[in-house]
N, C-alpha and C. Protein backbone atom coordinates (compact mmCIF):
# COMPACT_ATOMS: atom_id res chain seq x y z
N MET A 1 9.74 25.25 3.09
CA MET A 1 7.98 24.68 3.19
C MET A 1 6.97 24.85 3.78
N SER A 2 5.94 25.54 3.97
CA SER A 2 4.71 25.41 5.01
C SER A 2 4.01 24.15 5.58
N ASP A 3 4.02 24.38 6.36
CA ASP A 3 2.86 23.29 7.15
C ASP A 3 1.22 23.15 7.17
N GLU A 4 1.44 24.66 6.11
CA GLU A 4 -0.47 24.60 6.00
C GLU A 4 -0.81 24.13 5.33
N VAL A 5 -1.23 23.20 4.91
CA VAL A 5 -2.13 22.52 3.56
C VAL A 5 -2.72 23.45 2.44
N GLN A 6 -2.33 23.27 1.34
CA GLN A 6 -2.91 24.32 0.40
C GLN A 6 -4.86 23.29 -0.31
N ASN A 7 -5.39 24.57 -0.37
CA ASN A 7 -6.29 23.81 -0.89
C ASN A 7 -7.35 24.33 -2.25
N PRO A 8 -7.17 23.22 -3.01
CA PRO A 8 -7.46 24.01 -4.14
C PRO A 8 -8.86 24.82 -4.33
N PRO A 9 -9.38 25.61 -5.34
CA PRO A 9 -10.16 26.26 -4.87
C PRO A 9 -11.59 26.18 -5.43
N ALA A 10 -12.46 26.08 -5.25
CA ALA A 10 -13.59 25.67 -5.34
C ALA A 10 -14.31 26.00 -6.79
N GLY A 11 -14.91 25.35 -6.81
CA GLY A 11 -15.68 25.89 -7.95
C GLY A 11 -16.05 24.25 -8.70
N ASP A 12 -16.13 23.91 -9.79
CA ASP A 12 -16.60 23.19 -11.01
C ASP A 12 -14.80 22.19 -11.09
N ASP A 13 -13.67 23.07 -10.89
CA ASP A 13 -12.61 22.41 -11.08
C ASP A 13 -12.12 22.29 -9.42
N ALA A 14 -11.71 22.10 -8.33
CA ALA A 14 -11.62 22.23 -7.39
C ALA A 14 -11.43 20.57 -7.10
N GLY A 15 -12.00 19.98 -7.62
CA GLY A 15 -11.27 18.13 -7.48
C GLY A 15 -11.74 17.66 -6.35
N ILE A 16 -11.12 16.40 -6.03
CA ILE A 16 -11.71 15.56 -4.55
C ILE A 16 -10.99 16.53 -3.54
N PRO A 17 -11.25 16.45 -2.50
CA PRO A 17 -10.64 17.55 -1.49
C PRO A 17 -9.92 15.58 -0.67
N LEU A 18 -8.37 16.02 -0.64
CA LEU A 18 -7.47 15.33 0.12
C LEU A 18 -7.82 15.51 1.83
N PRO A 19 -7.22 14.34 2.31
CA PRO A 19 -7.51 14.56 3.40
C PRO A 19 -5.81 14.50 3.92
N PRO A 20 -6.49 15.55 4.93
CA PRO A 20 -4.94 16.06 5.68
C PRO A 20 -4.01 15.18 6.00
N PRO A 21 -2.69 15.74 5.49
CA PRO A 21 -0.90 14.37 5.97
C PRO A 21 -1.90 14.64 7.19
N SER A 22 -1.28 13.00 7.58
CA SER A 22 -0.53 12.64 8.63
C SER A 22 0.58 11.37 8.35
N PHE A 23 0.57 10.55 9.04
CA PHE A 23 1.25 9.37 9.26
C PHE A 23 0.56 8.03 9.19
N THR A 24 -0.70 8.94 9.58
CA THR A 24 -1.72 7.35 9.30
C THR A 24 -2.02 7.07 7.91
N PHE A 25 -2.22 8.30 6.91
CA PHE A 25 -2.23 8.23 5.62
C PHE A 25 -1.55 8.09 5.20
N ILE A 26 -0.34 8.42 5.70
CA ILE A 26 1.27 7.68 4.80
C ILE A 26 1.39 5.92 4.99
N VAL A 27 0.93 5.77 5.87
CA VAL A 27 0.79 4.12 6.10
C VAL A 27 0.07 3.85 5.01
N LEU A 28 -1.37 4.16 5.40
CA LEU A 28 -2.43 3.42 4.66
C LEU A 28 -2.40 3.46 2.81
N SER A 29 -1.85 4.77 2.74
CA SER A 29 -1.44 4.78 1.73
C SER A 29 -0.21 4.13 0.46
N LEU A 30 0.63 4.10 1.40
CA LEU A 30 1.75 2.84 1.38
C LEU A 30 1.27 1.14 1.37
N ARG A 31 0.43 1.07 1.86
CA ARG A 31 -0.36 -0.55 2.22
C ARG A 31 -1.50 -0.63 1.33
N ALA A 32 -2.55 0.15 0.43
CA ALA A 32 -2.77 0.31 -0.28
C ALA A 32 -2.42 -0.23 -1.71
N GLN A 33 -1.37 0.88 -1.89
CA GLN A 33 -0.36 0.51 -3.08
C GLN A 33 0.17 -0.90 -3.09
N ALA A 34 0.78 -1.17 -2.10
CA ALA A 34 1.36 -2.88 -2.27
C ALA A 34 -0.07 -3.78 -1.93
N GLU A 35 -1.20 -3.57 -2.19
CA GLU A 35 -2.10 -5.10 -2.12
C GLU A 35 -2.47 -4.63 -3.93
N MET A 36 -2.30 -3.22 -4.15
CA MET A 36 -3.07 -2.45 -5.34
C MET A 36 -1.77 -3.65 -5.79
N GLN A 37 -0.33 -3.98 -5.52
CA GLN A 37 0.91 -3.92 -6.66
C GLN A 37 0.81 -5.97 -6.37
N LEU A 38 0.08 -6.44 -5.29
CA LEU A 38 -0.17 -8.25 -5.20
C LEU A 38 -1.00 -8.39 -5.33
N GLY A 39 -1.99 -7.57 -6.70
CA GLY A 39 -3.42 -8.00 -6.93
C GLY A 39 -4.15 -8.08 -6.62
N LEU A 40 -4.50 -7.03 -4.97
CA LEU A 40 -5.57 -7.50 -3.67
C LEU A 40 -6.93 -6.54 -4.59
N PHE A 41 -6.69 -6.19 -5.09
CA PHE A 41 -7.68 -5.02 -5.93
C PHE A 41 -8.03 -4.88 -6.96
N ARG A 42 -9.75 -5.00 -7.70
CA ARG A 42 -9.67 -5.54 -8.64
C ARG A 42 -10.27 -4.52 -9.27
N PHE A 43 -9.75 -4.04 -10.28
CA PHE A 43 -10.62 -2.70 -10.73
C PHE A 43 -11.58 -3.01 -12.30
N GLY A 44 -12.29 -1.39 -12.47
CA GLY A 44 -13.13 -1.82 -13.95
C GLY A 44 -14.21 -3.38 -13.88
N ASN A 45 -14.41 -3.09 -14.84
CA ASN A 45 -15.83 -4.18 -15.34
C ASN A 45 -15.05 -6.08 -14.41
N GLU A 46 -15.67 -6.73 -14.16
CA GLU A 46 -15.52 -8.11 -13.33
C GLU A 46 -14.81 -9.42 -13.90
N GLU A 47 -15.63 -9.02 -15.50
CA GLU A 47 -15.08 -9.50 -16.81
C GLU A 47 -14.16 -9.18 -17.55
N GLU A 48 -12.72 -8.95 -16.98
CA GLU A 48 -11.45 -8.51 -17.45
C GLU A 48 -10.92 -9.29 -16.88
N GLU A 49 -10.07 -9.79 -17.74
CA GLU A 49 -8.75 -10.92 -16.82
C GLU A 49 -8.39 -10.06 -15.34
N LYS A 50 -8.13 -10.41 -14.24
CA LYS A 50 -7.49 -10.25 -13.60
C LYS A 50 -5.28 -10.08 -14.05
N GLN A 51 -4.79 -8.94 -13.88
CA GLN A 51 -4.13 -8.76 -13.57
C GLN A 51 -2.48 -9.57 -12.44
N PRO A 52 -1.87 -9.81 -13.06
CA PRO A 52 -1.36 -10.41 -12.44
C PRO A 52 -0.08 -9.56 -11.64
N PRO A 53 0.16 -10.28 -10.23
CA PRO A 53 1.29 -9.36 -9.39
C PRO A 53 2.63 -9.02 -9.68
N ASP A 54 2.29 -7.74 -9.53
CA ASP A 54 4.08 -7.67 -10.28
C ASP A 54 4.72 -7.79 -8.49
N LEU A 55 5.16 -8.25 -8.26
CA LEU A 55 6.12 -9.53 -7.02
C LEU A 55 6.96 -8.54 -6.82
N GLN A 56 8.29 -8.07 -7.02
CA GLN A 56 8.78 -7.28 -7.31
C GLN A 56 8.30 -5.56 -7.02
N LEU A 57 8.24 -5.35 -7.26
CA LEU A 57 7.07 -3.33 -6.93
C LEU A 57 7.06 -3.37 -5.46
N ALA A 58 5.31 -4.56 -5.76
CA ALA A 58 4.72 -5.25 -3.60
C ALA A 58 6.63 -4.96 -2.79
N ARG A 59 7.53 -6.23 -3.13
CA ARG A 59 8.53 -6.44 -1.95
C ARG A 59 9.21 -5.26 -1.99
N HIS A 60 9.10 -3.98 -2.56
CA HIS A 60 10.16 -2.61 -2.37
C HIS A 60 9.07 -2.33 -1.61
N THR A 61 7.83 -1.71 -2.24
CA THR A 61 6.23 -1.02 -0.85
C THR A 61 6.87 -2.26 0.95
N ILE A 62 6.50 -2.78 0.42
CA ILE A 62 7.17 -3.59 1.63
C ILE A 62 7.89 -3.08 2.53
N ASP A 63 8.94 -3.36 1.55
CA ASP A 63 10.48 -3.06 2.06
C ASP A 63 10.56 -0.89 2.52
N LEU A 64 10.02 -0.49 2.05
CA LEU A 64 10.25 1.09 2.27
C LEU A 64 9.02 1.25 3.78
N MET A 65 7.86 0.51 3.89
CA MET A 65 7.24 0.29 4.28
C MET A 65 8.09 -0.10 5.80
N GLY A 66 8.77 -1.56 5.92
CA GLY A 66 9.70 -1.74 6.79
C GLY A 66 10.79 -0.73 7.72
N ILE A 67 11.29 0.40 6.66
CA ILE A 67 12.14 1.19 6.59
C ILE A 67 11.61 2.52 7.53
N LEU A 68 11.01 2.71 7.34
CA LEU A 68 9.31 3.70 7.53
C LEU A 68 9.22 3.09 9.89
N LEU A 69 9.06 1.89 9.72
CA LEU A 69 8.64 1.41 11.22
C LEU A 69 10.28 1.29 11.82
N ASP A 70 11.42 1.05 11.11
CA ASP A 70 12.95 0.96 12.07
C ASP A 70 13.67 2.96 12.28
N LYS A 71 12.89 3.20 11.42
CA LYS A 71 13.43 5.21 11.31
C LYS A 71 12.64 5.69 12.29
N SER A 72 11.53 4.87 12.31
CA SER A 72 10.63 5.71 13.70
C SER A 72 9.64 5.28 14.82
N LYS A 73 10.79 4.32 14.64
CA LYS A 73 10.69 3.89 16.38
C LYS A 73 10.97 4.33 17.58
N GLY A 74 9.83 5.17 18.57
CA GLY A 74 10.28 5.83 19.64
C GLY A 74 9.30 7.28 19.34
N ASN A 75 9.09 7.23 18.23
CA ASN A 75 8.18 8.72 17.28
C ASN A 75 7.10 8.34 17.47
N LEU A 76 6.40 7.32 17.66
CA LEU A 76 5.44 6.87 16.66
C LEU A 76 3.98 6.83 18.41
N THR A 77 2.37 7.45 18.18
CA THR A 77 2.10 6.73 18.76
C THR A 77 1.63 5.43 18.98
N LEU A 78 0.76 5.28 19.77
CA LEU A 78 0.83 3.79 20.07
C LEU A 78 -0.59 3.31 18.77
N GLU A 79 -1.10 4.08 18.79
CA GLU A 79 -1.54 4.03 17.28
C GLU A 79 -1.34 3.41 15.94
N GLU A 80 -0.50 4.53 16.30
CA GLU A 80 1.00 4.43 14.50
C GLU A 80 0.99 3.26 14.60
N GLN A 81 2.00 2.54 16.40
CA GLN A 81 3.11 1.78 15.69
C GLN A 81 1.95 0.72 15.32
N ARG A 82 1.13 0.43 16.34
CA ARG A 82 0.10 -1.16 15.59
C ARG A 82 -0.71 -0.39 14.03
N LEU A 83 -0.76 0.44 14.04
CA LEU A 83 -1.34 0.30 12.55
C LEU A 83 0.36 -0.33 11.74
N LEU A 84 1.25 0.35 11.88
CA LEU A 84 1.98 0.17 10.58
C LEU A 84 3.05 -1.66 10.78
N GLU A 85 2.62 -2.43 12.51
CA GLU A 85 3.41 -2.83 12.30
C GLU A 85 2.46 -4.03 11.64
N ASN A 86 0.73 -3.79 11.92
CA ASN A 86 -0.14 -5.25 11.34
C ASN A 86 -0.02 -5.16 10.31
N SER A 87 0.19 -3.75 9.54
CA SER A 87 0.09 -3.47 7.67
C SER A 87 1.21 -4.49 6.99
N LEU A 88 2.34 -4.02 8.02
CA LEU A 88 3.52 -4.43 7.51
C LEU A 88 3.42 -6.66 7.40
N THR A 89 2.62 -7.02 8.71
CA THR A 89 2.98 -8.33 8.79
C THR A 89 1.70 -9.17 8.33
N GLU A 90 0.71 -8.45 7.97
CA GLU A 90 0.01 -8.53 6.52
C GLU A 90 0.57 -8.83 5.50
N LEU A 91 0.90 -7.58 5.28
CA LEU A 91 1.38 -8.05 4.17
C LEU A 91 1.97 -9.04 3.67
N ARG A 92 3.11 -8.98 4.75
CA ARG A 92 4.67 -9.92 4.58
C ARG A 92 4.26 -10.96 4.13
N PHE A 93 2.61 -11.50 4.95
CA PHE A 93 1.85 -13.14 5.04
C PHE A 93 1.76 -13.09 3.11
N ARG A 94 1.07 -11.25 2.47
CA ARG A 94 0.82 -11.77 1.36
C ARG A 94 0.97 -12.43 0.81
N PHE A 95 2.98 -11.76 0.88
CA PHE A 95 3.62 -11.62 -0.58
C PHE A 95 3.70 -12.88 -0.22
N VAL A 96 4.20 -13.33 0.20
CA VAL A 96 4.28 -15.15 0.94
C VAL A 96 3.44 -16.14 0.24
N GLN A 97 2.30 -15.48 0.64
CA GLN A 97 0.95 -16.41 0.25
C GLN A 97 1.38 -16.55 -1.83
N ILE A 98 0.70 -15.60 -1.75
CA ILE A 98 1.16 -14.77 -3.27
C ILE A 98 2.77 -15.42 -4.24
N SER A 99 3.53 -15.71 -2.88
CA SER A 99 4.71 -15.84 -4.11
C SER A 99 4.09 -17.12 -4.53
N ASP A 100 4.15 -17.81 -3.08
CA ASP A 100 3.65 -19.13 -4.19
C ASP A 100 2.51 -19.66 -4.46
N GLU A 101 1.63 -19.25 -4.42
CA GLU A 101 0.77 -18.62 -5.44
C GLU A 101 1.19 -19.11 -6.76
N THR A 102 2.19 -17.70 -7.17
CA THR A 102 2.24 -17.58 -8.40
C THR A 102 3.50 -18.60 -9.48
N ALA A 103 4.20 -19.07 -7.92
CA ALA A 103 5.52 -20.13 -8.26
C ALA A 103 3.88 -21.45 -8.18
N LYS A 104 3.63 -21.55 -8.45
CA LYS A 104 2.77 -22.91 -8.89
C LYS A 104 1.80 -22.80 -9.83
N THR A 105 2.09 -21.93 -10.41
CA THR A 105 1.11 -21.47 -11.16
C THR A 105 2.36 -21.80 -12.75
N THR A 106 2.84 -20.69 -12.24
CA THR A 106 4.41 -21.36 -13.43
C THR A 106 4.64 -22.49 -13.11
N ALA A 107 5.04 -23.09 -12.71
CA ALA A 107 4.95 -24.62 -12.50
C ALA A 107 3.83 -25.64 -13.45
N GLN A 108 2.55 -25.27 -13.28
CA GLN A 108 1.74 -26.01 -14.06
C GLN A 108 1.69 -25.78 -15.20
N LYS A 109 2.03 -24.09 -16.01
CA LYS A 109 1.85 -23.99 -17.17
C LYS A 109 3.45 -24.31 -17.56
N ALA A 110 4.15 -24.79 -16.92
CA ALA A 110 5.88 -25.48 -17.62
C ALA A 110 5.21 -27.14 -17.95
């Protein structure tokens, strides 16, 4: 596999330009996925009902980030290390918070 980035052809069908591949992009992509799975992003019309969080999928994504942190120790720049550690800390906190809120909501409905 080549390290060169394949750019789409120019013209109307060129699509959205992609950022260069990087460790930072991987971390930010996984973080955004986890935030969506936790229900922290709302898409579309504000009047639409908020989708419930997918805690199982969010936990899986957060665990993947934890593996990435463990396996990349000693190979990251200080900025990359901080980004990954801070993202994990925040996501884990949010996961616990949303899990508790979901449990309370479920208990109130019962």
